[in-house]
Amino acid sequence: MSEQRDRARPRARKVAVAGAAGLGLVALTGTAVPAMAAGNDDAAVVRTAEGPVRGVVAADHRSFEGIPYAAPPVGPLRWTSPRPVTSWTRTRDATRPGSACAQTAGFLGDAPSVAEDCLYLNVTTPRRTSGRRLPVMVWIHGGGFYSGSGDLYGAERLATKGDAVVVTLNYRLGVFGFLAHPSLDRGGRLSGDFGLEDQQAALRWVRRNAAAFGGDPGEVTLFGESAGGMSVCSHLAAPASAGLFQRAIAQSGPCALTTQWPYKDGNWLVRPRADAERQGASVAAKLGCAGAADVAACLRGKPVPALLDASDGGQGFGPVSGGGVLPTDPATALATGRFAKVPVIHGTTRDEHRTFVAALEYFTGHATTEADYRSEIEGYFGKEKAAKVLAAYPVAKYGSASTALATVWTDYSWACTARQADQALSTRVPTYAYEFADENAPWFGDTPAPGFPTGAFHASELQYLFHDAQFHGPLTAEQRRLSDQMIGYWTRFARTGDPNGGGAPAWARSVPGAERVLSLAPGSGGIRPVDLGREHRCGFWASIGR
C-alpha cells in the first residue's frame, strides 16, 4: 500500500525505520531534545505535549506522520472511549504514517488492514511562515465509515498555498468504531460512537499541540468528505465537540441526509440507537457471543478477521444517535437549532451518485438495464410515484439507464437534501454553499471507469484539494487553476470564516429562501452562482414527497 501511495502523489523523502512498516510501529531513536521554539517553522523536531517528534523538512513544507493521539484501542481497550497516549522523552520518528484502522479492501483501492493500533495523525505545515499563528485545518477522511485512512490525503499544496497547518487522522472504522451493544455500555455512557470519540480526541490533541507546529489552537476548521462530511455534521450536533473547532466544512455529507438514502442500511448515515443495537445483537449472535455470560469479553476475544466477516466488512455501521456522544441526529439538530453556531461551508458534487452506480456495476459485473432502473425506482417509491419519476427522468434523455438512475438519486438524495441543509444552516450561522461541477474530473486512478460518463462524481473534488493517493491525474492547466481557487476559498474561510478575497469570484453568503450556490468548475466563467433547486428539480421532488 505504501508503494501505491508513493506512486500516486509526490512525497518528501522518508527515513526508513526497520521493522516498522509492516506493524505500523514508530521507532524511538536518539536522545531527549530540548523544546523547539514555536516560531521555528524550519525545524524537523517539534516538542509536542506528549513528547518530541522528528519529521521531514522539504523545500516548501514540513511533514510529521504517524503521531499517536490516543492509546492503542486493543485488548481490554477495544470498544472503550479513547484513552490518553503514554508520553515519551526520546525523539519519536514521525516520517512514516501509522497503520490504517482495521478494514477490508475498498472499491477505490484502499488496502485491507487488520490493525487496531491505528489512532495516529499526520501534520503538514509550510516550511516558513510570516511568524503569525496559522489557521489549523483538521481533515476527517471518508470511506463509508468502513474504509480509508488519513495518510491517503497529501496536504502539501493545501498547507503551502493556503498558508495553513493541516492535520489528517485515522479513526476506528466499521464494527470497531461503531458497534452498539448494551454489554459495551459503561457508567451511563452508551456504546456505538467510538469512532466519533476518536475524532474528538484528535481535536483535543490539536488544541494541545497546534502552537508547537506554528498553528493557532483558537482557529481550528474541521472539514471532511462523504463519511467525513457526515462526521463534521455529527460534531456540529455533539455536545462534547463544542469549542473544539471554530469553523466547519462538510463536503458531500449533507447534514440533513436521513431517510432519503436509496439503499437500505446506508453505510454512513447516522443510525437511531434501536437500529444500531439490533445490528450489534446480530453481530454478537453471528460470533456465538449472544448467550455468553460476559458478552463484552466474548466479543473482545474475537480476532479482527472474524469481526470483519461477521459485520460484512463494517458496511452499514456509522454514528449512533440517542446517547451521550450524539444525543440527536444532525438533521434534527439543524431543524431545531441545537448545533454549534460556527460558520459553515456546505456542498456536494453535481453528479454525486455516479460513483455509487459505478461501484455497484463494478462489483456485480452487470451494467444497469432499463428493467433494472424501473425495478429500483418502483421498489423505492411505489408504482404510483415511480411512474412520475420515470416520466421525469426518461432513459432516452440521459443516454443510459445507469446515468438516469444516478441522476435520480443525485437529485433526490444529495442535491435537494443539501439545499434543505443550506436553508437550515443559513437561518442561524454564516453559510457558504457550493456545488463542485467539473464534468471532466479525472476518475479514480486504480479503479476501472464505468461505461457511462462519470461527470462531477462523488469524491471527485478531493484531487483539487489534496495530493490524493486514489487519483493519479494529471489535472489540466484549467483544472489546476480551479484547484488553486478552491484551496484559496477553503483556507481563507479557515482563516477568517469568509472564503472571499484574493481576487477570486465572489461567493455570496447563503440566505434563507435563496437558491443560489457557487458552482465550482474550470475555465472562463466556470465559477459562478447557479440555482441548485432548479438544476436538480427540487420542486418536482417536493411534489413527490419524502
Protein backbone atom coordinates (compact mmCIF):
# COMPACT_ATOMS: atom_id res chain seq x y z
CA MET A 1 0.00 0.00 0.00
CA SER A 2 2.89 2.34 0.80
CA GLU A 3 4.31 1.82 -2.70
CA GLN A 4 0.93 2.54 -4.28
CA ARG A 5 0.65 5.80 -2.34
CA ASP A 6 4.19 6.87 -3.21
CA ARG A 7 3.46 6.37 -6.91
CA ALA A 8 0.21 8.26 -6.62
CA ARG A 9 1.49 11.50 -5.18
CA PRO A 10 4.88 13.15 -4.60
CA ARG A 11 6.07 12.74 -1.07
CA ALA A 12 9.01 14.04 0.87
CA ARG A 13 11.90 11.64 1.40
CA LYS A 14 11.06 9.09 4.06
CA VAL A 15 13.52 7.79 6.62
CA ALA A 16 13.47 4.01 6.79
CA VAL A 17 12.53 2.54 10.15
CA ALA A 18 13.50 -1.10 10.35
CA GLY A 19 10.61 -3.38 11.16
CA ALA A 20 8.06 -0.56 11.42
CA ALA A 21 6.42 -0.66 8.02
CA GLY A 22 4.52 -3.87 8.40
CA LEU A 23 3.49 -3.37 12.00
CA GLY A 24 2.54 0.29 11.93
CA LEU A 25 5.06 0.99 14.69
CA VAL A 26 7.20 4.05 15.13
CA ALA A 27 10.79 3.92 16.29
CA LEU A 28 12.19 5.73 19.29
CA THR A 29 15.60 6.98 18.28
CA GLY A 30 18.21 9.32 19.61
CA THR A 31 18.15 11.11 22.91
CA ALA A 32 15.92 13.64 24.53
CA VAL A 33 15.97 17.00 22.76
CA PRO A 34 15.28 20.47 24.05
CA ALA A 35 11.94 22.06 23.25
CA MET A 36 11.89 23.92 19.96
CA ALA A 37 10.59 27.46 19.80
CA ALA A 38 7.06 27.53 18.44
CA GLY A 39 8.06 30.01 15.74
CA ASN A 40 10.91 27.87 14.41
CA ASP A 41 9.00 26.66 11.34
CA ASP A 42 12.12 25.20 9.71
CA ALA A 43 12.70 22.64 12.47
CA ALA A 44 12.43 18.93 11.79
CA VAL A 45 11.94 18.28 15.51
CA VAL A 46 8.86 19.54 17.34
CA ARG A 47 8.14 19.02 21.02
CA THR A 48 4.52 18.04 21.49
CA ALA A 49 2.78 17.87 24.85
CA GLU A 50 3.36 14.10 24.80
CA GLY A 51 6.99 14.19 23.65
CA PRO A 52 9.29 15.28 20.80
CA VAL A 53 8.79 14.08 17.22
CA ARG A 54 11.07 14.26 14.21
CA GLY A 55 9.51 14.80 10.79
CA VAL A 56 10.76 15.67 7.31
CA VAL A 57 11.66 19.15 6.08
CA ALA A 58 11.12 19.51 2.32
CA ALA A 59 11.75 22.53 0.10
CA ASP A 60 8.44 24.22 0.89
CA HIS A 61 6.81 22.26 3.71
CA ARG A 62 7.31 20.10 6.78
CA SER A 63 5.53 16.81 7.36
CA PHE A 64 5.09 14.75 10.52
CA GLU A 65 3.40 11.38 10.15
CA GLY A 66 2.30 8.59 12.45
CA ILE A 67 1.95 10.67 15.63
CA PRO A 68 -0.18 8.80 18.19
CA TYR A 69 -3.01 10.88 19.62
CA ALA A 70 -4.56 8.19 21.84
CA ALA A 71 -3.56 4.87 23.37
CA PRO A 72 -3.91 1.81 21.12
CA PRO A 73 -7.53 0.58 21.49
CA VAL A 74 -6.54 -3.07 21.80
CA GLY A 75 -7.33 -5.90 24.20
CA PRO A 76 -9.49 -4.59 27.07
CA LEU A 77 -9.50 -1.13 25.40
CA ARG A 78 -11.34 -2.43 22.34
CA TRP A 79 -14.74 -0.66 22.34
CA THR A 80 -13.86 1.84 25.03
CA SER A 81 -13.55 5.60 24.79
CA PRO A 82 -10.05 6.63 23.64
CA ARG A 83 -7.50 6.80 26.45
CA PRO A 84 -4.52 9.18 26.71
CA VAL A 85 -1.37 8.10 24.94
CA THR A 86 1.69 7.25 27.05
CA SER A 87 4.16 10.13 26.83
CA TRP A 88 7.75 9.68 25.74
CA THR A 89 11.05 11.50 26.29
CA ARG A 90 13.23 10.42 23.38
CA THR A 91 12.61 11.79 19.91
CA ARG A 92 9.96 9.72 18.14
CA ASP A 93 10.32 9.10 14.42
CA ALA A 94 7.45 10.79 12.56
CA THR A 95 8.45 10.14 8.96
CA ARG A 96 6.06 7.29 8.20
CA PRO A 97 2.27 7.03 8.64
CA GLY A 98 0.76 4.74 11.23
CA SER A 99 -1.29 1.74 10.23
CA ALA A 100 -4.73 2.23 8.74
CA CYS A 101 -7.53 1.05 11.02
CA ALA A 102 -8.96 -2.44 10.51
CA GLN A 103 -10.88 -2.68 7.23
CA THR A 104 -11.42 -4.79 4.15
CA ALA A 105 -10.27 -3.78 0.66
CA GLY A 106 -12.28 -0.87 -0.72
CA PHE A 107 -13.73 -0.01 -4.12
CA LEU A 108 -11.29 2.88 -4.53
CA GLY A 109 -8.15 0.85 -3.94
CA ASP A 110 -7.95 1.08 -0.15
CA ALA A 111 -5.77 -1.80 1.06
CA PRO A 112 -7.11 -4.17 3.74
CA SER A 113 -5.83 -3.85 7.28
CA VAL A 114 -6.17 -5.89 10.47
CA ALA A 115 -4.56 -3.25 12.69
CA GLU A 116 -6.31 -1.99 15.79
CA ASP A 117 -3.30 0.03 16.90
CA CYS A 118 -4.20 2.76 14.44
CA LEU A 119 -5.02 6.02 16.25
CA TYR A 120 -2.41 8.17 14.53
CA LEU A 121 -2.45 11.53 12.83
CA ASN A 122 -0.28 13.46 10.39
CA VAL A 123 0.65 17.16 10.37
CA THR A 124 1.72 19.22 7.35
CA THR A 125 2.90 22.81 7.66
CA PRO A 126 4.52 25.38 5.39
CA ARG A 127 8.28 25.35 5.81
CA ARG A 128 8.38 29.02 6.75
CA THR A 129 5.69 31.49 7.75
CA SER A 130 5.46 35.19 8.41
CA GLY A 131 5.62 34.47 12.13
CA ARG A 132 1.91 34.74 12.81
CA ARG A 133 -0.05 31.77 14.06
CA LEU A 134 -1.59 29.84 11.18
CA PRO A 135 -5.13 28.52 10.91
CA VAL A 136 -5.39 24.79 11.57
CA MET A 137 -7.46 22.52 9.32
CA VAL A 138 -8.35 19.07 10.65
CA TRP A 139 -9.38 16.58 7.95
CA ILE A 140 -11.71 13.61 8.52
CA HIS A 141 -11.48 11.09 5.70
CA GLY A 142 -14.42 9.42 4.00
CA GLY A 143 -14.93 5.78 3.10
CA GLY A 144 -18.40 4.94 4.36
CA PHE A 145 -17.17 4.68 7.96
CA TYR A 146 -15.65 1.31 6.99
CA SER A 147 -12.56 2.18 4.91
CA GLY A 148 -9.89 4.82 4.35
CA SER A 149 -7.09 6.48 6.29
CA GLY A 150 -5.71 9.94 6.86
CA ASP A 151 -2.42 9.44 5.05
CA LEU A 152 -4.16 8.97 1.70
CA TYR A 153 -4.54 12.75 1.64
CA GLY A 154 -1.29 14.57 0.93
CA ALA A 155 -1.76 18.11 2.24
CA GLU A 156 1.39 19.74 0.86
CA ARG A 157 -0.34 22.11 -1.58
CA LEU A 158 -3.17 22.90 0.82
CA ALA A 159 -0.68 23.84 3.53
CA THR A 160 1.77 25.79 1.37
CA LYS A 161 -0.58 27.61 -0.99
CA GLY A 162 -3.09 28.26 1.79
CA ASP A 163 -0.54 29.04 4.49
CA ALA A 164 -2.20 26.68 6.95
CA VAL A 165 -1.40 23.78 9.26
CA VAL A 166 -3.24 20.66 8.05
CA VAL A 167 -3.92 17.62 10.22
CA THR A 168 -5.21 14.32 8.80
CA LEU A 169 -6.19 11.45 11.08
CA ASN A 170 -7.27 7.85 11.41
CA TYR A 171 -10.27 6.80 13.49
CA ARG A 172 -11.79 3.42 14.29
CA LEU A 173 -13.98 2.13 11.49
CA GLY A 174 -16.87 -0.25 10.98
CA VAL A 175 -17.63 -2.67 13.80
CA PHE A 176 -14.58 -1.43 15.76
CA GLY A 177 -15.69 2.20 15.72
CA PHE A 178 -19.46 1.96 15.76
CA LEU A 179 -20.65 -1.25 17.42
CA ALA A 180 -23.59 -0.58 19.74
CA HIS A 181 -24.37 -3.27 22.29
CA PRO A 182 -25.60 -2.95 25.89
CA SER A 183 -22.71 -5.11 27.11
CA LEU A 184 -20.32 -2.36 25.97
CA ASP A 185 -22.12 0.46 27.79
CA ARG A 186 -20.16 1.74 30.77
CA GLY A 187 -21.03 4.14 33.57
CA GLY A 188 -24.05 5.56 31.79
CA ARG A 189 -22.03 6.12 28.61
CA LEU A 190 -23.75 4.32 25.75
CA SER A 191 -21.69 2.47 23.16
CA GLY A 192 -21.64 2.92 19.40
CA ASP A 193 -19.79 6.19 18.77
CA PHE A 194 -16.18 5.20 19.46
CA GLY A 195 -15.10 6.50 16.04
CA LEU A 196 -16.59 9.92 16.76
CA GLU A 197 -14.91 9.90 20.16
CA ASP A 198 -11.59 9.19 18.43
CA GLN A 199 -12.14 12.27 16.27
CA GLN A 200 -12.86 14.31 19.39
CA ALA A 201 -9.65 13.00 20.96
CA ALA A 202 -7.72 14.11 17.87
CA LEU A 203 -9.28 17.58 18.13
CA ARG A 204 -8.20 17.78 21.75
CA TRP A 205 -4.69 16.77 20.64
CA VAL A 206 -4.79 19.65 18.16
CA ARG A 207 -5.84 22.08 20.90
CA ARG A 208 -2.83 20.97 23.00
CA ASN A 209 -0.28 20.86 20.20
CA ALA A 210 -1.24 23.24 17.39
CA ALA A 211 1.03 26.01 18.66
CA ALA A 212 4.08 23.74 18.60
CA PHE A 213 3.62 23.38 14.83
CA GLY A 214 3.01 27.09 14.26
CA GLY A 215 -0.78 26.82 14.36
CA ASP A 216 -3.41 28.74 16.27
CA PRO A 217 -5.37 26.43 18.61
CA GLY A 218 -8.17 29.00 18.62
CA GLU A 219 -8.60 28.95 14.83
CA VAL A 220 -9.44 25.33 14.01
CA THR A 221 -11.53 24.31 11.00
CA LEU A 222 -12.98 20.81 10.97
CA PHE A 223 -13.53 19.52 7.44
CA GLY A 224 -14.30 16.21 5.80
CA GLU A 225 -15.90 14.49 2.82
CA SER A 226 -18.56 11.77 2.50
CA ALA A 227 -18.43 9.88 5.82
CA GLY A 228 -16.03 12.62 6.88
CA GLY A 229 -18.63 15.23 5.93
CA MET A 230 -21.26 13.39 7.93
CA SER A 231 -18.76 13.27 10.80
CA VAL A 232 -18.47 17.06 10.61
CA CYS A 233 -22.27 17.30 10.76
CA SER A 234 -22.26 14.98 13.77
CA HIS A 235 -19.73 17.14 15.58
CA LEU A 236 -21.88 20.19 14.95
CA ALA A 237 -24.56 18.34 16.94
CA ALA A 238 -22.31 16.64 19.55
CA PRO A 239 -22.17 18.49 22.90
CA ALA A 240 -18.60 17.37 23.72
CA SER A 241 -17.32 18.72 20.39
CA ALA A 242 -18.42 22.28 21.18
CA GLY A 243 -15.43 24.60 21.36
CA LEU A 244 -13.02 22.15 19.73
CA PHE A 245 -13.37 23.87 16.35
CA GLN A 246 -14.37 27.34 15.20
CA ARG A 247 -15.41 26.63 11.59
CA ALA A 248 -16.72 23.63 9.68
CA ILE A 249 -16.69 22.37 6.08
CA ALA A 250 -18.94 19.44 5.14
CA GLN A 251 -18.24 18.05 1.68
CA SER A 252 -20.71 15.55 0.17
CA GLY A 253 -22.15 14.62 3.53
CA PRO A 254 -25.33 16.70 3.67
CA CYS A 255 -26.23 17.44 7.27
CA ALA A 256 -29.93 16.84 6.53
CA LEU A 257 -29.38 13.43 4.92
CA THR A 258 -31.57 10.89 6.71
CA THR A 259 -34.22 8.59 5.26
CA GLN A 260 -33.89 9.60 1.60
CA TRP A 261 -30.80 7.46 1.08
CA PRO A 262 -31.76 4.97 -1.67
CA TYR A 263 -30.20 1.90 -0.10
CA LYS A 264 -31.42 0.09 2.97
CA ASP A 265 -28.75 0.03 5.66
CA GLY A 266 -26.98 3.02 4.13
CA ASN A 267 -23.41 2.68 5.29
CA TRP A 268 -22.73 6.16 6.51
CA LEU A 269 -25.99 7.51 7.76
CA VAL A 270 -26.46 8.28 11.43
CA ARG A 271 -28.40 5.33 12.89
CA PRO A 272 -31.08 5.53 15.58
CA ARG A 273 -29.92 3.67 18.69
CA ALA A 274 -32.60 0.99 18.48
CA ASP A 275 -31.50 0.09 14.94
CA ALA A 276 -27.82 0.14 15.90
CA GLU A 277 -28.38 -2.14 18.89
CA ARG A 278 -30.32 -4.61 16.74
CA GLN A 279 -27.36 -4.62 14.37
CA GLY A 280 -24.99 -5.14 17.31
CA ALA A 281 -27.07 -8.04 18.60
CA SER A 282 -26.90 -9.63 15.15
CA VAL A 283 -23.10 -9.39 15.12
CA ALA A 284 -22.88 -10.92 18.60
CA ALA A 285 -25.12 -13.79 17.51
CA LYS A 286 -23.06 -14.48 14.39
CA LEU A 287 -19.94 -14.68 16.53
CA GLY A 288 -21.53 -17.05 19.07
CA CYS A 289 -21.43 -14.43 21.82
CA ALA A 290 -25.14 -13.72 22.26
CA GLY A 291 -25.57 -16.29 25.03
CA ALA A 292 -22.21 -15.79 26.71
CA ALA A 293 -22.09 -14.99 30.41
CA ASP A 294 -19.96 -11.95 29.54
CA VAL A 295 -20.88 -10.81 26.02
CA ALA A 296 -18.33 -7.98 26.00
CA ALA A 297 -15.49 -10.32 26.97
CA CYS A 298 -16.57 -12.79 24.30
CA LEU A 299 -16.57 -10.07 21.65
CA ARG A 300 -13.21 -8.72 22.77
CA GLY A 301 -11.78 -12.22 22.47
CA LYS A 302 -12.62 -12.50 18.78
CA PRO A 303 -9.87 -11.90 16.21
CA VAL A 304 -10.09 -8.99 13.79
CA PRO A 305 -10.84 -11.10 10.67
CA ALA A 306 -13.79 -12.79 12.40
CA LEU A 307 -15.23 -9.42 13.40
CA LEU A 308 -14.83 -8.08 9.87
CA ASP A 309 -16.56 -11.17 8.46
CA ALA A 310 -19.44 -11.04 10.93
CA SER A 311 -20.04 -7.35 10.19
CA ASP A 312 -19.83 -7.56 6.38
CA GLY A 313 -16.53 -5.70 6.44
CA GLY A 314 -18.02 -2.93 8.56
CA GLN A 315 -20.52 -1.78 5.94
CA GLY A 316 -23.76 -0.49 7.41
CA PHE A 317 -22.05 0.92 10.51
CA GLY A 318 -21.86 4.60 11.36
CA PRO A 319 -22.59 7.09 14.15
CA VAL A 320 -25.42 6.34 16.56
CA SER A 321 -27.87 8.98 17.76
CA GLY A 322 -29.63 8.73 21.09
CA GLY A 323 -26.76 8.71 23.57
CA GLY A 324 -24.33 10.96 25.38
CA VAL A 325 -21.97 11.42 22.44
CA LEU A 326 -24.68 12.23 19.89
CA PRO A 327 -28.00 12.88 21.65
CA THR A 328 -29.79 13.72 18.39
CA ASP A 329 -29.06 13.17 14.71
CA PRO A 330 -27.64 16.08 12.69
CA ALA A 331 -30.82 16.59 10.65
CA THR A 332 -32.88 17.10 13.80
CA ALA A 333 -30.17 19.29 15.31
CA LEU A 334 -30.26 21.57 12.26
CA ALA A 335 -34.04 21.72 12.20
CA THR A 336 -34.23 22.65 15.89
CA GLY A 337 -31.17 24.88 16.06
CA ARG A 338 -29.37 22.67 18.58
CA PHE A 339 -25.95 22.70 16.93
CA ALA A 340 -22.66 24.56 17.26
CA LYS A 341 -23.02 28.12 15.98
CA VAL A 342 -19.93 28.31 13.79
CA PRO A 343 -19.53 29.42 10.14
CA VAL A 344 -20.06 26.56 7.68
CA ILE A 345 -19.15 25.69 4.10
CA HIS A 346 -21.53 23.02 2.87
CA GLY A 347 -21.75 21.41 -0.56
CA THR A 348 -21.94 18.47 -2.91
CA THR A 349 -20.81 17.47 -6.39
CA ARG A 350 -23.12 17.85 -9.36
CA ASP A 351 -23.16 14.12 -10.25
CA GLU A 352 -22.70 12.56 -6.82
CA HIS A 353 -24.37 9.23 -7.34
CA ARG A 354 -22.49 8.19 -10.45
CA THR A 355 -19.77 6.87 -8.15
CA PHE A 356 -22.24 4.57 -6.40
CA VAL A 357 -23.82 3.26 -9.58
CA ALA A 358 -20.32 2.63 -10.93
CA ALA A 359 -19.39 0.74 -7.76
CA LEU A 360 -22.49 -1.43 -7.92
CA GLU A 361 -21.84 -2.29 -11.56
CA TYR A 362 -18.17 -2.97 -10.82
CA PHE A 363 -18.88 -5.42 -8.01
CA THR A 364 -21.76 -7.20 -9.76
CA GLY A 365 -20.25 -7.16 -13.24
CA HIS A 366 -23.67 -6.10 -14.51
CA ALA A 367 -24.50 -2.83 -16.24
CA THR A 368 -27.81 -1.26 -15.24
CA THR A 369 -30.61 -2.01 -17.72
CA GLU A 370 -33.88 -0.18 -18.26
CA ALA A 371 -35.62 -3.02 -16.43
CA ASP A 372 -33.22 -2.62 -13.50
CA TYR A 373 -33.85 1.10 -13.46
CA ARG A 374 -37.61 0.69 -13.40
CA SER A 375 -37.44 -2.03 -10.76
CA GLU A 376 -35.27 0.03 -8.40
CA ILE A 377 -37.41 3.15 -8.71
CA GLU A 378 -40.65 1.22 -8.22
CA GLY A 379 -39.18 -0.69 -5.29
CA TYR A 380 -38.27 2.51 -3.51
CA PHE A 381 -41.12 4.88 -4.36
CA GLY A 382 -44.01 2.51 -5.11
CA LYS A 383 -45.60 2.25 -8.55
CA GLU A 384 -47.69 5.42 -8.41
CA LYS A 385 -44.85 7.77 -7.54
CA ALA A 386 -42.38 5.77 -9.62
CA ALA A 387 -44.41 6.45 -12.76
CA LYS A 388 -43.91 10.17 -12.22
CA VAL A 389 -40.21 9.75 -11.55
CA LEU A 390 -39.64 7.60 -14.63
CA ALA A 391 -41.53 10.12 -16.76
CA ALA A 392 -39.45 12.99 -15.39
CA TYR A 393 -36.16 11.10 -15.81
CA PRO A 394 -36.55 9.02 -19.01
CA VAL A 395 -33.60 6.88 -20.08
CA ALA A 396 -33.68 8.46 -23.56
CA LYS A 397 -32.84 11.85 -22.05
CA TYR A 398 -29.72 10.60 -20.25
CA GLY A 399 -28.23 8.18 -22.76
CA SER A 400 -28.22 5.14 -20.48
CA ALA A 401 -30.18 3.59 -17.65
CA SER A 402 -27.07 3.92 -15.47
CA THR A 403 -26.91 7.69 -15.92
CA ALA A 404 -30.67 8.11 -15.49
CA LEU A 405 -30.59 6.13 -12.24
CA ALA A 406 -27.58 8.08 -10.96
CA THR A 407 -29.31 11.37 -11.78
CA VAL A 408 -32.46 10.42 -9.88
CA TRP A 409 -30.51 9.60 -6.75
CA THR A 410 -28.18 12.60 -7.12
CA ASP A 411 -31.13 14.97 -7.25
CA TYR A 412 -33.32 13.27 -4.67
CA SER A 413 -30.77 12.08 -2.13
CA TRP A 414 -27.94 14.58 -2.47
CA ALA A 415 -28.64 17.94 -4.07
CA CYS A 416 -32.13 18.62 -2.72
CA THR A 417 -31.06 17.35 0.68
CA ALA A 418 -28.06 19.69 0.59
CA ARG A 419 -30.42 22.52 -0.33
CA GLN A 420 -32.53 21.65 2.71
CA ALA A 421 -29.46 21.70 4.95
CA ASP A 422 -28.25 25.00 3.47
CA GLN A 423 -31.59 26.57 4.32
CA ALA A 424 -31.49 25.29 7.89
CA LEU A 425 -27.88 26.36 8.44
CA SER A 426 -28.22 29.81 6.88
CA THR A 427 -31.01 30.80 9.25
CA ARG A 428 -28.60 30.57 12.20
CA VAL A 429 -24.94 30.72 11.09
CA PRO A 430 -22.87 32.21 8.25
CA THR A 431 -23.20 29.60 5.48
CA TYR A 432 -21.47 29.31 2.11
CA ALA A 433 -22.95 26.69 -0.22
CA TYR A 434 -21.23 25.20 -3.27
CA GLU A 435 -21.54 22.56 -5.97
CA PHE A 436 -18.40 21.05 -7.48
CA ALA A 437 -19.19 20.79 -11.19
CA ASP A 438 -16.16 19.77 -13.27
CA GLU A 439 -17.75 17.32 -15.73
CA ASN A 440 -14.28 16.17 -16.83
CA ALA A 441 -12.82 15.50 -13.39
CA PRO A 442 -10.30 12.60 -13.64
CA TRP A 443 -11.66 9.25 -12.49
CA PHE A 444 -10.08 7.20 -9.70
CA GLY A 445 -6.64 6.03 -10.75
CA ASP A 446 -6.76 2.28 -9.98
CA THR A 447 -10.48 1.66 -10.49
CA PRO A 448 -11.84 0.83 -13.97
CA ALA A 449 -14.07 3.60 -15.30
CA PRO A 450 -17.71 2.64 -15.88
CA GLY A 451 -19.35 2.55 -19.28
CA PHE A 452 -21.05 5.90 -18.81
CA PRO A 453 -19.71 9.47 -18.32
CA THR A 454 -18.67 9.96 -14.71
CA GLY A 455 -19.05 13.76 -14.65
CA ALA A 456 -18.51 15.52 -11.33
CA PHE A 457 -18.81 12.27 -9.37
CA HIS A 458 -18.79 11.72 -5.62
CA ALA A 459 -15.28 12.40 -4.23
CA SER A 460 -14.05 13.96 -7.49
CA GLU A 461 -13.24 17.28 -5.80
CA LEU A 462 -10.70 15.70 -3.43
CA GLN A 463 -7.91 15.73 -6.01
CA TYR A 464 -8.35 19.52 -6.28
CA LEU A 465 -7.57 19.99 -2.58
CA PHE A 466 -5.09 17.19 -1.86
CA HIS A 467 -2.45 15.04 -3.47
CA ASP A 468 -4.94 12.21 -3.09
CA ALA A 469 -3.47 8.72 -3.45
CA GLN A 470 -6.71 7.47 -5.01
CA PHE A 471 -6.26 9.74 -8.04
CA HIS A 472 -3.37 9.75 -10.48
CA GLY A 473 -4.41 12.78 -12.56
CA PRO A 474 -2.90 14.74 -14.05
CA LEU A 475 -5.05 17.84 -13.89
CA THR A 476 -5.12 20.12 -16.92
CA ALA A 477 -3.91 23.72 -16.65
CA GLU A 478 -7.52 24.91 -16.21
CA GLN A 479 -8.22 22.26 -13.61
CA ARG A 480 -5.04 23.23 -11.79
CA ARG A 481 -6.27 26.80 -11.77
CA LEU A 482 -9.57 25.62 -10.27
CA SER A 483 -7.58 23.69 -7.66
CA ASP A 484 -5.72 26.88 -6.70
CA GLN A 485 -9.00 28.78 -6.44
CA MET A 486 -10.61 26.10 -4.27
CA ILE A 487 -7.60 25.96 -1.97
CA GLY A 488 -7.86 29.74 -1.69
CA TYR A 489 -11.54 29.60 -0.78
CA TRP A 490 -11.09 26.80 1.76
CA THR A 491 -8.07 28.33 3.52
CA ARG A 492 -9.41 31.91 3.58
CA PHE A 493 -12.51 30.51 5.23
CA ALA A 494 -10.29 28.70 7.74
CA ARG A 495 -8.54 31.98 8.48
CA THR A 496 -11.49 34.38 8.69
CA GLY A 497 -14.79 32.49 8.39
CA ASP A 498 -15.31 34.08 4.95
CA PRO A 499 -13.96 32.42 1.77
CA ASN A 500 -13.89 35.64 -0.25
CA GLY A 501 -10.79 37.57 -1.22
CA GLY A 502 -7.62 37.09 -3.22
CA GLY A 503 -9.27 38.31 -6.43
CA ALA A 504 -11.43 35.16 -6.65
CA PRO A 505 -15.01 35.30 -7.99
CA ALA A 506 -17.37 36.45 -5.26
CA TRP A 507 -19.03 33.77 -3.15
CA ALA A 508 -22.28 35.11 -1.76
CA ARG A 509 -23.31 34.04 1.70
CA SER A 510 -26.43 31.86 1.72
CA VAL A 511 -29.63 33.46 2.97
CA PRO A 512 -32.91 31.76 3.87
CA GLY A 513 -35.10 31.29 0.83
CA ALA A 514 -32.29 31.81 -1.69
CA GLU A 515 -31.49 29.06 -4.18
CA ARG A 516 -28.06 30.16 -5.36
CA VAL A 517 -24.90 28.21 -4.64
CA LEU A 518 -21.42 28.69 -6.05
CA SER A 519 -20.67 26.30 -8.91
CA LEU A 520 -17.00 25.29 -8.99
CA ALA A 521 -15.85 24.34 -12.50
CA PRO A 522 -12.75 25.09 -14.59
CA GLY A 523 -12.48 27.53 -17.45
CA SER A 524 -13.72 31.03 -18.10
CA GLY A 525 -16.93 31.57 -16.17
CA GLY A 526 -16.62 28.17 -14.56
CA ILE A 527 -17.02 29.62 -11.09
CA ARG A 528 -20.45 31.20 -10.96
CA PRO A 529 -23.69 31.15 -8.99
CA VAL A 530 -26.27 28.54 -10.04
CA ASP A 531 -29.82 27.79 -8.95
CA LEU A 532 -29.40 24.44 -7.17
CA GLY A 533 -33.14 23.84 -6.81
CA ARG A 534 -33.80 24.40 -10.49
CA GLU A 535 -30.76 22.43 -11.65
CA HIS A 536 -31.78 19.37 -9.63
CA ARG A 537 -35.58 19.68 -9.90
CA CYS A 538 -36.16 20.14 -6.19
CA GLY A 539 -39.67 21.46 -6.86
CA PHE A 540 -40.55 18.17 -8.53
CA TRP A 541 -39.12 16.19 -5.62
CA ALA A 542 -41.07 18.30 -3.15
CA SER A 543 -44.23 17.29 -5.02
CA ILE A 544 -43.23 13.62 -4.80
CA GLY A 545 -42.62 13.90 -1.08
CA ARG A 546 -40.08 12.18 1.14
